[in-house]
PDB file of N, CA and C in Angstrom:
ATOM      1  N   MET A   1     -99.874  17.785-201.873  1.00  0.00           N
ATOM      2  CA  MET A   1    -101.295  17.394-202.336  1.00  0.00           C
ATOM      3  C   MET A   1    -102.374  17.915-201.255  1.00  0.00           C
ATOM      4  N   ARG A   2    -101.970  17.874-200.109  1.00  0.00           N
ATOM      5  CA  ARG A   2    -102.887  18.159-199.095  1.00  0.00           C
ATOM      6  C   ARG A   2    -103.200  19.779-199.176  1.00  0.00           C
ATOM      7  N   SER A   3    -102.293  20.605-199.521  1.00  0.00           N
ATOM      8  CA  SER A   3    -102.566  22.063-199.617  1.00  0.00           C
ATOM      9  C   SER A   3    -103.492  22.446-200.873  1.00  0.00           C
ATOM     10  N   LEU A   4    -103.660  21.547-201.786  1.00  0.00           N
ATOM     11  CA  LEU A   4    -104.525  21.746-202.876  1.00  0.00           C
ATOM     12  C   LEU A   4    -105.983  21.392-202.726  1.00  0.00           C
ATOM     13  N   MET A   5    -106.222  20.531-201.713  1.00  0.00           N
ATOM     14  CA  MET A   5    -107.676  20.166-201.470  1.00  0.00           C
ATOM     15  C   MET A   5    -108.632  21.279-201.294  1.00  0.00           C
ATOM     16  N   PRO A   6    -108.234  22.322-200.553  1.00  0.00           N
ATOM     17  CA  PRO A   6    -109.262  23.486-200.390  1.00  0.00           C
ATOM     18  C   PRO A   6    -109.568  24.119-201.724  1.00  0.00           C
ATOM     19  N   LEU A   7    -108.695  24.000-202.685  1.00  0.00           N
ATOM     20  CA  LEU A   7    -108.972  24.747-204.070  1.00  0.00           C
ATOM     21  C   LEU A   7    -109.759  23.998-204.975  1.00  0.00           C
ATOM     22  N   LEU A   8    -110.120  22.672-204.654  1.00  0.00           N
ATOM     23  CA  LEU A   8    -110.819  21.751-205.637  1.00  0.00           C
ATOM     24  C   LEU A   8    -112.255  22.366-205.862  1.00  0.00           C
ATOM     25  N   PRO A   9    -112.913  22.876-204.950  1.00  0.00           N
ATOM     26  CA  PRO A   9    -114.287  23.440-205.356  1.00  0.00           C
ATOM     27  C   PRO A   9    -114.309  24.681-206.212  1.00  0.00           C
ATOM     28  N   LEU A  10    -113.124  25.294-206.311  1.00  0.00           N
ATOM     29  CA  LEU A  10    -113.084  26.658-207.220  1.00  0.00           C
ATOM     30  C   LEU A  10    -113.592  26.420-208.617  1.00  0.00           C
ATOM     31  N   PRO A  11    -113.144  25.368-209.314  1.00  0.00           N
ATOM     32  CA  PRO A  11    -113.660  25.260-210.620  1.00  0.00           C
ATOM     33  C   PRO A  11    -115.174  25.035-210.803  1.00  0.00           C
ATOM     34  N   VAL A  12    -115.738  24.454-209.755  1.00  0.00           N
ATOM     35  CA  VAL A  12    -117.100  24.348-209.678  1.00  0.00           C
ATOM     36  C   VAL A  12    -117.792  25.657-209.586  1.00  0.00           C
ATOM     37  N   LEU A  13    -117.284  26.479-208.597  1.00  0.00           N
ATOM     38  CA  LEU A  13    -117.876  27.845-208.407  1.00  0.00           C
ATOM     39  C   LEU A  13    -117.603  28.784-209.444  1.00  0.00           C
ATOM     40  N   ALA A  14    -116.459  28.541-210.275  1.00  0.00           N
ATOM     41  CA  ALA A  14    -116.212  29.306-211.472  1.00  0.00           C
ATOM     42  C   ALA A  14    -117.207  29.070-212.603  1.00  0.00           C
ATOM     43  N   ALA A  15    -118.012  27.987-212.495  1.00  0.00           N
ATOM     44  CA  ALA A  15    -118.934  27.734-213.563  1.00  0.00           C
ATOM     45  C   ALA A  15    -120.206  28.365-213.338  1.00  0.00           C
ATOM     46  N   CYS A  16    -120.467  28.925-212.128  1.00  0.00           N
ATOM     47  CA  CYS A  16    -121.649  29.649-211.807  1.00  0.00           C
ATOM     48  C   CYS A  16    -121.598  30.990-212.544  1.00  0.00           C
ATOM     49  N   VAL A  17    -122.818  31.573-212.936  1.00  0.00           N
ATOM     50  CA  VAL A  17    -122.988  32.863-213.607  1.00  0.00           C
ATOM     51  C   VAL A  17    -123.708  33.749-212.768  1.00  0.00           C
ATOM     52  N   THR A  18    -123.168  34.971-212.552  1.00  0.00           N
ATOM     53  CA  THR A  18    -123.986  35.833-211.880  1.00  0.00           C
ATOM     54  C   THR A  18    -124.173  37.061-212.806  1.00  0.00           C
ATOM     55  N   LEU A  19    -125.526  37.378-213.034  1.00  0.00           N
ATOM     56  CA  LEU A  19    -125.964  38.313-214.063  1.00  0.00           C
ATOM     57  C   LEU A  19    -126.213  39.602-213.291  1.00  0.00           C
ATOM     58  N   PRO A  20    -125.798  40.784-213.820  1.00  0.00           N
ATOM     59  CA  PRO A  20    -126.159  42.069-213.409  1.00  0.00           C
ATOM     60  C   PRO A  20    -127.569  42.363-213.861  1.00  0.00           C
ATOM     61  N   GLY A  21    -128.223  43.231-213.030  1.00  0.00           N
ATOM     62  CA  GLY A  21    -129.550  43.713-213.527  1.00  0.00           C
ATOM     63  C   GLY A  21    -130.606  42.805-212.839  1.00  0.00           C
ATOM     64  N   THR A  22    -131.764  42.904-213.434  1.00  0.00           N
ATOM     65  CA  THR A  22    -132.921  42.074-212.850  1.00  0.00           C
ATOM     66  C   THR A  22    -132.962  40.695-213.159  1.00  0.00           C
ATOM     67  N   ARG A  23    -133.339  39.995-212.189  1.00  0.00           N
ATOM     68  CA  ARG A  23    -133.511  38.554-212.433  1.00  0.00           C
ATOM     69  C   ARG A  23    -134.757  38.042-211.640  1.00  0.00           C
ATOM     70  N   SER A  24    -135.615  37.551-212.401  1.00  0.00           N
ATOM     71  CA  SER A  24    -136.896  37.061-211.821  1.00  0.00           C
ATOM     72  C   SER A  24    -136.741  35.702-211.074  1.00  0.00           C
ATOM     73  N   PRO A  25    -137.290  35.572-209.902  1.00  0.00           N
ATOM     74  CA  PRO A  25    -137.157  34.335-209.370  1.00  0.00           C
ATOM     75  C   PRO A  25    -138.109  33.369-209.780  1.00  0.00           C
ATOM     76  N   ASP A  26    -138.995  33.747-210.804  1.00  0.00           N
ATOM     77  CA  ASP A  26    -140.028  32.875-211.142  1.00  0.00           C
ATOM     78  C   ASP A  26    -140.012  32.617-212.602  1.00  0.00           C
ATOM     79  N   PRO A  27    -139.586  31.422-213.088  1.00  0.00           N
ATOM     80  CA  PRO A  27    -139.450  31.024-214.450  1.00  0.00           C
ATOM     81  C   PRO A  27    -140.869  30.938-215.053  1.00  0.00           C
ATOM     82  N   ALA A  28    -141.998  30.835-214.285  1.00  0.00           N
ATOM     83  CA  ALA A  28    -143.278  30.873-214.802  1.00  0.00           C
ATOM     84  C   ALA A  28    -143.790  32.282-215.133  1.00  0.00           C
ATOM     85  N   ASN A  29    -142.896  33.367-215.017  1.00  0.00           N
ATOM     86  CA  ASN A  29    -143.364  34.664-215.317  1.00  0.00           C
ATOM     87  C   ASN A  29    -142.239  35.459-215.906  1.00  0.00           C
ATOM     88  N   ALA A  30    -141.495  34.682-216.932  1.00  0.00           N
ATOM     89  CA  ALA A  30    -140.350  35.367-217.520  1.00  0.00           C
ATOM     90  C   ALA A  30    -140.840  36.394-218.513  1.00  0.00           C
ATOM     91  N   ARG A  31    -139.816  37.485-218.475  1.00  0.00           N
ATOM     92  CA  ARG A  31    -140.351  38.644-219.455  1.00  0.00           C
ATOM     93  C   ARG A  31    -139.094  38.767-220.554  1.00  0.00           C
ATOM     94  N   ILE A  32    -139.409  39.467-221.502  1.00  0.00           N
ATOM     95  CA  ILE A  32    -138.284  39.894-222.452  1.00  0.00           C
ATOM     96  C   ILE A  32    -137.306  40.704-221.759  1.00  0.00           C
ATOM     97  N   GLY A  33    -135.949  40.336-221.928  1.00  0.00           N
ATOM     98  CA  GLY A  33    -134.954  41.124-221.292  1.00  0.00           C
ATOM     99  C   GLY A  33    -134.690  40.743-219.831  1.00  0.00           C
ATOM    100  N   GLU A  34    -135.229  39.707-219.332  1.00  0.00           N
ATOM    101  CA  GLU A  34    -135.097  39.483-217.890  1.00  0.00           C
ATOM    102  C   GLU A  34    -134.657  37.957-217.776  1.00  0.00           C
ATOM    103  N   ALA A  35    -133.464  37.830-217.188  1.00  0.00           N
ATOM    104  CA  ALA A  35    -132.887  36.551-217.022  1.00  0.00           C
ATOM    105  C   ALA A  35    -133.529  35.774-215.758  1.00  0.00           C
ATOM    106  N   VAL A  36    -133.857  34.381-216.127  1.00  0.00           N
ATOM    107  CA  VAL A  36    -134.512  33.596-215.188  1.00  0.00           C
ATOM    108  C   VAL A  36    -133.789  32.329-214.863  1.00  0.00           C
ATOM    109  N   TYR A  37    -133.788  31.835-213.730  1.00  0.00           N
ATOM    110  CA  TYR A  37    -133.098  30.604-213.288  1.00  0.00           C
ATOM    111  C   TYR A  37    -134.160  29.562-213.469  1.00  0.00           C
ATOM    112  N   VAL A  38    -133.853  28.612-214.379  1.00  0.00           N
ATOM    113  CA  VAL A  38    -134.983  27.512-214.738  1.00  0.00           C
ATOM    114  C   VAL A  38    -134.441  26.192-214.317  1.00  0.00           C
ATOM    115  N   ASP A  39    -134.468  25.899-213.056  1.00  0.00           N
ATOM    116  CA  ASP A  39    -134.070  24.582-212.584  1.00  0.00           C
ATOM    117  C   ASP A  39    -132.602  24.189-213.117  1.00  0.00           C
ATOM    118  N   GLY A  40    -131.750  24.987-213.202  1.00  0.00           N
ATOM    119  CA  GLY A  40    -130.331  24.692-213.767  1.00  0.00           C
ATOM    120  C   GLY A  40    -130.018  25.774-214.632  1.00  0.00           C
ATOM    121  N   PRO A  41    -130.397  25.805-215.802  1.00  0.00           N
ATOM    122  CA  PRO A  41    -129.931  26.760-216.779  1.00  0.00           C
ATOM    123  C   PRO A  41    -130.548  28.164-216.513  1.00  0.00           C
ATOM    124  N   ILE A  42    -129.866  29.241-216.792  1.00  0.00           N
ATOM    125  CA  ILE A  42    -130.291  30.512-216.793  1.00  0.00           C
ATOM    126  C   ILE A  42    -130.589  31.010-218.174  1.00  0.00           C
ATOM    127  N   ILE A  43    -131.889  31.379-218.376  1.00  0.00           N
ATOM    128  CA  ILE A  43    -132.315  31.750-219.736  1.00  0.00           C
ATOM    129  C   ILE A  43    -132.835  33.201-219.706  1.00  0.00           C
ATOM    130  N   LYS A  44    -132.531  33.995-220.762  1.00  0.00           N
ATOM    131  CA  LYS A  44    -132.859  35.320-220.796  1.00  0.00           C
ATOM    132  C   LYS A  44    -133.637  35.475-222.219  1.00  0.00           C
ATOM    133  N   PRO A  45    -135.007  35.638-222.157  1.00  0.00           N
ATOM    134  CA  PRO A  45    -135.739  35.879-223.441  1.00  0.00           C
ATOM    135  C   PRO A  45    -135.284  37.354-223.961  1.00  0.00           C
ATOM    136  N   VAL A  46    -135.129  37.388-225.097  1.00  0.00           N
ATOM    137  CA  VAL A  46    -134.670  38.660-225.796  1.00  0.00           C
ATOM    138  C   VAL A  46    -135.510  39.181-226.811  1.00  0.00           C
ATOM    139  N   ALA A  47    -136.284  38.444-227.467  1.00  0.00           N
ATOM    140  CA  ALA A  47    -137.280  38.905-228.527  1.00  0.00           C
ATOM    141  C   ALA A  47    -138.264  37.823-228.971  1.00  0.00           C
ATOM    142  N   VAL A  48    -139.480  38.357-229.308  1.00  0.00           N
ATOM    143  CA  VAL A  48    -140.494  37.528-229.797  1.00  0.00           C
ATOM    144  C   VAL A  48    -140.291  37.484-231.319  1.00  0.00           C
ATOM    145  N   ILE A  49    -140.073  36.285-231.774  1.00  0.00           N
ATOM    146  CA  ILE A  49    -139.764  36.063-233.291  1.00  0.00           C
ATOM    147  C   ILE A  49    -141.203  35.938-233.971  1.00  0.00           C
ATOM    148  N   GLU A  50    -142.017  35.208-233.337  1.00  0.00           N
ATOM    149  CA  GLU A  50    -143.228  34.761-234.053  1.00  0.00           C
ATOM    150  C   GLU A  50    -144.285  34.603-233.034  1.00  0.00           C
ATOM    151  N   ASP A  51    -145.508  35.109-233.328  1.00  0.00           N
ATOM    152  CA  ASP A  51    -146.684  34.818-232.484  1.00  0.00           C
ATOM    153  C   ASP A  51    -147.836  34.630-233.396  1.00  0.00           C
ATOM    154  N   SER A  52    -148.016  33.339-233.823  1.00  0.00           N
ATOM    155  CA  SER A  52    -149.073  33.014-234.704  1.00  0.00           C
ATOM    156  C   SER A  52    -150.303  32.361-234.164  1.00  0.00           C
ATOM    157  N   ARG A  53    -150.405  32.560-232.664  1.00  0.00           N
ATOM    158  CA  ARG A  53    -151.603  32.027-232.065  1.00  0.00           C
ATOM    159  C   ARG A  53    -152.892  32.604-232.516  1.00  0.00           C
ATOM    160  N   CYS A  54    -153.842  31.757-232.433  1.00  0.00           N
ATOM    161  CA  CYS A  54    -155.196  32.152-232.829  1.00  0.00           C
ATOM    162  C   CYS A  54    -155.634  33.265-231.841  1.00  0.00           C
ATOM    163  N   PRO A  55    -156.218  34.310-232.307  1.00  0.00           N
ATOM    164  CA  PRO A  55    -156.765  35.449-231.561  1.00  0.00           C
ATOM    165  C   PRO A  55    -157.762  34.995-230.547  1.00  0.00           C
ATOM    166  N   ALA A  56    -157.800  35.581-229.360  1.00  0.00           N
ATOM    167  CA  ALA A  56    -158.931  35.223-228.320  1.00  0.00           C
ATOM    168  C   ALA A  56    -160.230  35.292-228.877  1.00  0.00           C
ATOM    169  N   GLY A  57    -161.107  34.419-228.691  1.00  0.00           N
ATOM    170  CA  GLY A  57    -162.501  34.469-229.319  1.00  0.00           C
ATOM    171  C   GLY A  57    -162.691  33.907-230.621  1.00  0.00           C
ATOM    172  N   ALA A  58    -161.622  33.769-231.350  1.00  0.00           N
ATOM    173  CA  ALA A  58    -161.754  33.191-232.765  1.00  0.00           C
ATOM    174  C   ALA A  58    -161.623  31.729-232.808  1.00  0.00           C
ATOM    175  N   GLN A  59    -162.094  31.215-233.993  1.00  0.00           N
ATOM    176  CA  GLN A  59    -161.953  29.734-234.140  1.00  0.00           C
ATOM    177  C   GLN A  59    -160.992  29.580-235.386  1.00  0.00           C
ATOM    178  N   CYS A  60    -160.003  28.961-235.129  1.00  0.00           N
ATOM    179  CA  CYS A  60    -158.926  28.631-235.977  1.00  0.00           C
ATOM    180  C   CYS A  60    -158.677  27.194-236.410  1.00  0.00           C
ATOM    181  N   VAL A  61    -158.201  26.891-237.581  1.00  0.00           N
ATOM    182  CA  VAL A  61    -158.001  25.487-237.864  1.00  0.00           C
ATOM    183  C   VAL A  61    -156.525  25.144-237.041  1.00  0.00           C
ATOM    184  N   TRP A  62    -155.679  26.054-236.946  1.00  0.00           N
ATOM    185  CA  TRP A  62    -154.378  25.808-236.208  1.00  0.00           C
ATOM    186  C   TRP A  62    -154.237  26.699-235.030  1.00  0.00           C
ATOM    187  N   ALA A  63    -153.872  26.186-233.930  1.00  0.00           N
ATOM    188  CA  ALA A  63    -153.760  26.941-232.647  1.00  0.00           C
ATOM    189  C   ALA A  63    -152.655  27.968-232.795  1.00  0.00           C
ATOM    190  N   GLY A  64    -151.590  27.750-233.618  1.00  0.00           N
ATOM    191  CA  GLY A  64    -150.572  28.644-233.770  1.00  0.00           C
ATOM    192  C   GLY A  64    -149.452  28.445-232.800  1.00  0.00           C
ATOM    193  N   ARG A  65    -148.452  29.172-232.864  1.00  0.00           N
ATOM    194  CA  ARG A  65    -147.202  29.031-231.938  1.00  0.00           C
ATOM    195  C   ARG A  65    -146.518  30.314-231.675  1.00  0.00           C
ATOM    196  N   VAL A  66    -145.774  30.270-230.550  1.00  0.00           N
ATOM    197  CA  VAL A  66    -144.872  31.409-230.267  1.00  0.00           C
ATOM    198  C   VAL A  66    -143.444  30.956-230.332  1.00  0.00           C
ATOM    199  N   ARG A  67    -142.589  31.710-230.999  1.00  0.00           N
ATOM    200  CA  ARG A  67    -141.215  31.487-231.012  1.00  0.00           C
ATOM    201  C   ARG A  67    -140.419  32.718-230.521  1.00  0.00           C
ATOM    202  N   ILE A  68    -139.541  32.389-229.544  1.00  0.00           N
ATOM    203  CA  ILE A  68    -138.735  33.480-228.988  1.00  0.00           C
ATOM    204  C   ILE A  68    -137.235  33.335-229.137  1.00  0.00           C
ATOM    205  N   LYS A  69    -136.508  34.362-229.242  1.00  0.00           N
ATOM    206  CA  LYS A  69    -135.063  34.431-229.246  1.00  0.00           C
ATOM    207  C   LYS A  69    -134.683  34.445-227.823  1.00  0.00           C
ATOM    208  N   ALA A  70    -133.697  33.594-227.349  1.00  0.00           N
ATOM    209  CA  ALA A  70    -133.278  33.664-226.002  1.00  0.00           C
ATOM    210  C   ALA A  70    -131.880  33.402-225.867  1.00  0.00           C
ATOM    211  N   LEU A  71    -131.238  33.787-224.781  1.00  0.00           N
ATOM    212  CA  LEU A  71    -129.901  33.537-224.465  1.00  0.00           C
ATOM    213  C   LEU A  71    -129.803  32.607-223.217  1.00  0.00           C
ATOM    214  N   TRP A  72    -129.081  31.690-223.454  1.00  0.00           N
ATOM    215  CA  TRP A  72    -128.601  30.560-222.327  1.00  0.00           C
ATOM    216  C   TRP A  72    -127.437  31.127-221.806  1.00  0.00           C
ATOM    217  N   MET A  73    -127.454  31.575-220.610  1.00  0.00           N
ATOM    218  CA  MET A  73    -126.354  32.363-219.919  1.00  0.00           C
ATOM    219  C   MET A  73    -125.457  31.356-219.345  1.00  0.00           C
ATOM    220  N   ARG A  74    -124.164  31.016-219.992  1.00  0.00           N
ATOM    221  CA  ARG A  74    -123.249  30.105-219.431  1.00  0.00           C
ATOM    222  C   ARG A  74    -122.086  30.746-218.967  1.00  0.00           C
ATOM    223  N   ALA A  75    -121.184  29.978-218.259  1.00  0.00           N
ATOM    224  CA  ALA A  75    -119.878  30.521-217.769  1.00  0.00           C
ATOM    225  C   ALA A  75    -119.090  30.909-218.810  1.00  0.00           C
ATOM    226  N   ASP A  76    -119.139  30.151-220.009  1.00  0.00           N
ATOM    227  CA  ASP A  76    -118.197  30.375-221.146  1.00  0.00           C
ATOM    228  C   ASP A  76    -118.781  31.500-222.049  1.00  0.00           C
ATOM    229  N   GLY A  77    -119.811  32.147-221.784  1.00  0.00           N
ATOM    230  CA  GLY A  77    -120.535  33.100-222.548  1.00  0.00           C
ATOM    231  C   GLY A  77    -121.863  32.617-222.935  1.00  0.00           C
ATOM    232  N   PRO A  78    -122.805  33.589-223.377  1.00  0.00           N
ATOM    233  CA  PRO A  78    -124.173  33.276-223.706  1.00  0.00           C
ATOM    234  C   PRO A  78    -124.267  32.582-225.062  1.00  0.00           C
ATOM    235  N   ARG A  79    -125.191  31.590-225.215  1.00  0.00           N
ATOM    236  CA  ARG A  79    -125.494  30.822-226.366  1.00  0.00           C
ATOM    237  C   ARG A  79    -126.946  31.262-226.786  1.00  0.00           C
ATOM    238  N   GLU A  80    -127.148  31.563-228.057  1.00  0.00           N
ATOM    239  CA  GLU A  80    -128.409  31.929-228.471  1.00  0.00           C
ATOM    240  C   GLU A  80    -129.362  30.688-228.778  1.00  0.00           C
ATOM    241  N   LEU A  81    -130.557  30.802-228.289  1.00  0.00           N
ATOM    242  CA  LEU A  81    -131.515  29.677-228.505  1.00  0.00           C
ATOM    243  C   LEU A  81    -132.772  30.219-229.264  1.00  0.00           C
ATOM    244  N   MET A  82    -133.567  29.385-230.017  1.00  0.00           N
ATOM    245  CA  MET A  82    -134.812  29.714-230.555  1.00  0.00           C
ATOM    246  C   MET A  82    -135.717  28.735-229.859  1.00  0.00           C
ATOM    247  N   LEU A  83    -136.612  29.248-228.845  1.00  0.00           N
ATOM    248  CA  LEU A  83    -137.507  28.480-228.206  1.00  0.00           C
ATOM    249  C   LEU A  83    -138.776  28.470-228.884  1.00  0.00           C
ATOM    250  N   SER A  84    -139.551  27.464-228.972  1.00  0.00           N
ATOM    251  CA  SER A  84    -140.832  27.463-229.578  1.00  0.00           C
ATOM    252  C   SER A  84    -141.849  26.690-228.661  1.00  0.00           C
ATOM    253  N   SER A  85    -143.142  27.340-228.679  1.00  0.00           N
ATOM    254  CA  SER A  85    -144.114  26.776-227.822  1.00  0.00           C
ATOM    255  C   SER A  85    -144.703  25.366-228.340  1.00  0.00           C
ATOM    256  N   ASP A  86    -144.315  24.931-229.517  1.00  0.00           N
ATOM    257  CA  ASP A  86    -144.755  23.691-230.100  1.00  0.00           C
ATOM    258  C   ASP A  86    -143.819  22.593-229.998  1.00  0.00           C
ATOM    259  N   GLN A  87    -142.620  22.744-229.483  1.00  0.00           N
ATOM    260  CA  GLN A  87    -141.889  21.499-229.136  1.00  0.00           C
ATOM    261  C   GLN A  87    -140.596  22.083-228.205  1.00  0.00           C
ATOM    262  N   PRO A  88    -140.250  21.173-227.218  1.00  0.00           N
ATOM    263  CA  PRO A  88    -139.077  21.339-226.376  1.00  0.00           C
ATOM    264  C   PRO A  88    -137.791  21.521-227.107  1.00  0.00           C
ATOM    265  N   MET A  89    -136.739  22.040-226.552  1.00  0.00           N
ATOM    266  CA  MET A  89    -135.511  22.139-227.192  1.00  0.00           C
ATOM    267  C   MET A  89    -134.461  21.594-226.302  1.00  0.00           C
ATOM    268  N   ALA A  90    -133.512  20.916-226.680  1.00  0.00           N
ATOM    269  CA  ALA A  90    -132.430  20.440-225.950  1.00  0.00           C
ATOM    270  C   ALA A  90    -131.541  21.439-225.385  1.00  0.00           C
ATOM    271  N   VAL A  91    -131.335  21.593-224.081  1.00  0.00           N
ATOM    272  CA  VAL A  91    -130.585  22.518-223.452  1.00  0.00           C
ATOM    273  C   VAL A  91    -129.728  21.865-222.374  1.00  0.00           C
ATOM    274  N   ALA A  92    -128.414  21.971-222.374  1.00  0.00           N
ATOM    275  CA  ALA A  92    -127.644  21.162-221.339  1.00  0.00           C
ATOM    276  C   ALA A  92    -127.838  19.800-221.454  1.00  0.00           C
ATOM    277  N   ASP A  93    -128.095  19.227-220.220  1.00  0.00           N
ATOM    278  CA  ASP A  93    -128.513  17.875-220.169  1.00  0.00           C
ATOM    279  C   ASP A  93    -130.003  17.540-220.119  1.00  0.00           C
ATOM    280  N   GLY A  94    -130.806  18.256-220.610  1.00  0.00           N
ATOM    281  CA  GLY A  94    -132.181  18.164-220.614  1.00  0.00           C
ATOM    282  C   GLY A  94    -132.934  18.855-221.721  1.00  0.00           C
ATOM    283  N   MET A  95    -134.210  19.196-221.426  1.00  0.00           N
ATOM    284  CA  MET A  95    -135.167  19.750-222.353  1.00  0.00           C
ATOM    285  C   MET A  95    -135.763  21.008-221.767  1.00  0.00           C
ATOM    286  N   MET A  96    -135.815  22.133-222.528  1.00  0.00           N
ATOM    287  CA  MET A  96    -136.329  23.376-222.171  1.00  0.00           C
ATOM    288  C   MET A  96    -137.732  23.564-222.804  1.00  0.00           C
ATOM    289  N   THR A  97    -138.729  23.845-222.163  1.00  0.00           N
ATOM    290  CA  THR A  97    -140.136  24.014-222.617  1.00  0.00           C
ATOM    291  C   THR A  97    -140.582  25.392-222.454  1.00  0.00           C
ATOM    292  N   LEU A  98    -141.082  25.938-223.537  1.00  0.00           N
ATOM    293  CA  LEU A  98    -141.791  27.355-223.534  1.00  0.00           C
ATOM    294  C   LEU A  98    -143.181  26.998-223.579  1.00  0.00           C
ATOM    295  N   SER A  99    -144.030  27.657-222.595  1.00  0.00           N
ATOM    296  CA  SER A  99    -145.460  27.435-222.458  1.00  0.00           C
ATOM    297  C   SER A  99    -146.081  28.459-221.778  1.00  0.00           C
ATOM    298  N   ASP A 100    -147.426  28.358-221.707  1.00  0.00           N
ATOM    299  CA  ASP A 100    -148.241  29.468-221.019  1.00  0.00           C
ATOM    300  C   ASP A 100    -147.866  30.773-221.430  1.00  0.00           C
ATOM    301  N   ILE A 101    -147.877  31.212-222.642  1.00  0.00           N
ATOM    302  CA  ILE A 101    -147.647  32.537-223.172  1.00  0.00           C
ATOM    303  C   ILE A 101    -148.802  33.441-222.804  1.00  0.00           C
ATOM    304  N   ARG A 102    -148.554  34.552-222.262  1.00  0.00           N
ATOM    305  CA  ARG A 102    -149.542  35.622-221.930  1.00  0.00           C
ATOM    306  C   ARG A 102    -149.043  36.920-222.306  1.00  0.00           C
ATOM    307  N   PRO A 103    -149.987  37.831-222.658  1.00  0.00           N
ATOM    308  CA  PRO A 103    -151.456  37.690-222.540  1.00  0.00           C
ATOM    309  C   PRO A 103    -151.902  36.831-223.849  1.00  0.00           C
ATOM    310  N   ALA A 104    -153.239  36.510-223.888  1.00  0.00           N
ATOM    311  CA  ALA A 104    -153.832  35.933-225.079  1.00  0.00           C
ATOM    312  C   ALA A 104    -153.744  36.886-226.187  1.00  0.00           C
ATOM    313  N   LYS A 105    -153.687  36.408-227.385  1.00  0.00           N
ATOM    314  CA  LYS A 105    -153.525  37.262-228.573  1.00  0.00           C
ATOM    315  C   LYS A 105    -154.805  37.984-228.810  1.00  0.00           C
ATOM    316  N   PRO A 106    -154.876  39.277-228.765  1.00  0.00           N
ATOM    317  CA  PRO A 106    -156.095  40.001-229.038  1.00  0.00           C
ATOM    318  C   PRO A 106    -156.527  39.811-230.509  1.00  0.00           C
ATOM    319  N   LYS A 107    -157.802  40.305-230.847  1.00  0.00           N
ATOM    320  CA  LYS A 107    -158.194  40.273-232.063  1.00  0.00           C
ATOM    321  C   LYS A 107    -157.504  41.002-233.053  1.00  0.00           C
ATOM    322  N   ASN A 108    -156.962  42.172-232.685  1.00  0.00           N
ATOM    323  CA  ASN A 108    -156.173  42.953-233.575  1.00  0.00           C
ATOM    324  C   ASN A 108    -154.646  42.421-233.740  1.00  0.00           C
ATOM    325  N   GLY A 109    -154.371  41.463-232.924  1.00  0.00           N
ATOM    326  CA  GLY A 109    -153.091  40.751-233.198  1.00  0.00           C
ATOM    327  C   GLY A 109    -151.910  41.397-232.524  1.00  0.00           C
ATOM    328  N   LYS A 110    -152.001  42.671-231.952  1.00  0.00           N
ATOM    329  CA  LYS A 110    -150.880  43.443-231.547  1.00  0.00           C
ATOM    330  C   LYS A 110    -150.748  43.200-230.038  1.00  0.00           C
ATOM    331  N   ILE A 111    -149.598  42.931-229.537  1.00  0.00           N
ATOM    332  CA  ILE A 111    -149.078  42.819-228.216  1.00  0.00           C
ATOM    333  C   ILE A 111    -147.769  43.556-228.109  1.00  0.00           C
ATOM    334  N   ASP A 112    -147.683  44.641-227.115  1.00  0.00           N
ATOM    335  CA  ASP A 112    -146.470  45.222-226.876  1.00  0.00           C
ATOM    336  C   ASP A 112    -145.515  44.148-226.311  1.00  0.00           C
ATOM    337  N   THR A 113    -144.149  44.230-226.683  1.00  0.00           N
ATOM    338  CA  THR A 113    -143.224  43.301-226.263  1.00  0.00           C
ATOM    339  C   THR A 113    -143.025  43.354-224.668  1.00  0.00           C
ATOM    340  N   SER A 114    -143.340  44.444-224.094  1.00  0.00           N
ATOM    341  CA  SER A 114    -143.113  44.478-222.581  1.00  0.00           C
ATOM    342  C   SER A 114    -144.209  43.758-221.849  1.00  0.00           C
ATOM    343  N   GLU A 115    -145.385  43.385-222.518  1.00  0.00           N
ATOM    344  CA  GLU A 115    -146.470  42.833-221.958  1.00  0.00           C
ATOM    345  C   GLU A 115    -146.313  41.318-221.944  1.00  0.00           C
ATOM    346  N   TYR A 116    -145.542  40.716-222.882  1.00  0.00           N
ATOM    347  CA  TYR A 116    -145.387  39.236-222.883  1.00  0.00           C
ATOM    348  C   TYR A 116    -144.830  38.651-221.662  1.00  0.00           C
ATOM    349  N   ARG A 117    -145.446  37.558-221.181  1.00  0.00           N
ATOM    350  CA  ARG A 117    -144.980  36.673-220.106  1.00  0.00           C
ATOM    351  C   ARG A 117    -144.846  35.222-220.554  1.00  0.00           C
ATOM    352  N   PHE A 118    -143.891  34.488-220.086  1.00  0.00           N
ATOM    353  CA  PHE A 118    -143.844  33.073-220.517  1.00  0.00           C
ATOM    354  C   PHE A 118    -143.480  32.310-219.341  1.00  0.00           C
ATOM    355  N   SER A 119    -143.909  31.023-219.454  1.00  0.00           N
ATOM    356  CA  SER A 119    -143.474  29.928-218.429  1.00  0.00           C
ATOM    357  C   SER A 119    -142.360  29.213-219.204  1.00  0.00           C
ATOM    358  N   LEU A 120    -141.188  28.975-218.384  1.00  0.00           N
ATOM    359  CA  LEU A 120    -140.126  28.189-218.912  1.00  0.00           C
ATOM    360  C   LEU A 120    -140.003  27.007-217.910  1.00  0.00           C
ATOM    361  N   ARG A 121    -139.845  25.700-218.415  1.00  0.00           N
ATOM    362  CA  ARG A 121    -139.562  24.579-217.639  1.00  0.00           C
ATOM    363  C   ARG A 121    -138.513  23.883-218.118  1.00  0.00           C
ATOM    364  N   PHE A 122    -137.700  23.290-217.212  1.00  0.00           N
ATOM    365  CA  PHE A 122    -136.497  22.496-217.777  1.00  0.00           C
ATOM    366  C   PHE A 122    -136.541  21.143-217.085  1.00  0.00           C
ATOM    367  N   ALA A 123    -136.554  20.113-217.938  1.00  0.00           N
ATOM    368  CA  ALA A 123    -136.613  18.586-217.417  1.00  0.00           C
ATOM    369  C   ALA A 123    -135.166  18.144-217.746  1.00  0.00           C
ATOM    370  N   GLY A 124    -134.441  17.732-216.788  1.00  0.00           N
ATOM    371  CA  GLY A 124    -133.303  17.099-216.992  1.00  0.00           C
ATOM    372  C   GLY A 124    -132.359  17.167-215.865  1.00  0.00           C
ATOM    373  N   GLY A 125    -130.963  17.045-216.039  1.00  0.00           N
ATOM    374  CA  GLY A 125    -130.078  17.079-214.994  1.00  0.00           C
ATOM    375  C   GLY A 125    -130.030  15.779-214.126  1.00  0.00           C
ATOM    376  N   TYR A 126    -130.475  14.708-214.771  1.00  0.00           N
ATOM    377  CA  TYR A 126    -130.447  13.336-214.091  1.00  0.00           C
ATOM    378  C   TYR A 126    -129.047  12.826-213.858  1.00  0.00           C
TER     379      TYR A 126
END
C-alpha cells in the first residue's frame, strides 16, 4: 500500500486539460476560437449564433441579447454549450455568465466575427 501513495495524485492531474494553440489569460477578453480559463472551466467560444442587441445610438423597446456557441473543454472531451447574455448557464458545479459583449452593435448591424470580445465569469466551485 505504501508504494501506491505517490500515485494517488495522478488521477487528479489526468483531469487537467492542456489545449494546443492560443489561450487568453483574460476571460474578460475572450474571442471566437480562443480558449480561456474561467475560474475553473476552460471555455472556447466558437460562433456567434445571435446578436439582436439594439444598435448604438438607437432607441429600442428591447435591449436584445447575444448567444454564442462554445465548447467546455473537459478531460473526457469537449461539451457544446449555448451561452446567452440574458441568463447564466449551469456549468460544472456553478453558473457561467456571458456579459460585456464588444464592440457595440453598429447601425448597419454588421460585426465581423473576429472583432467580437466577450467577458465570461464563473460563479461556483464551493
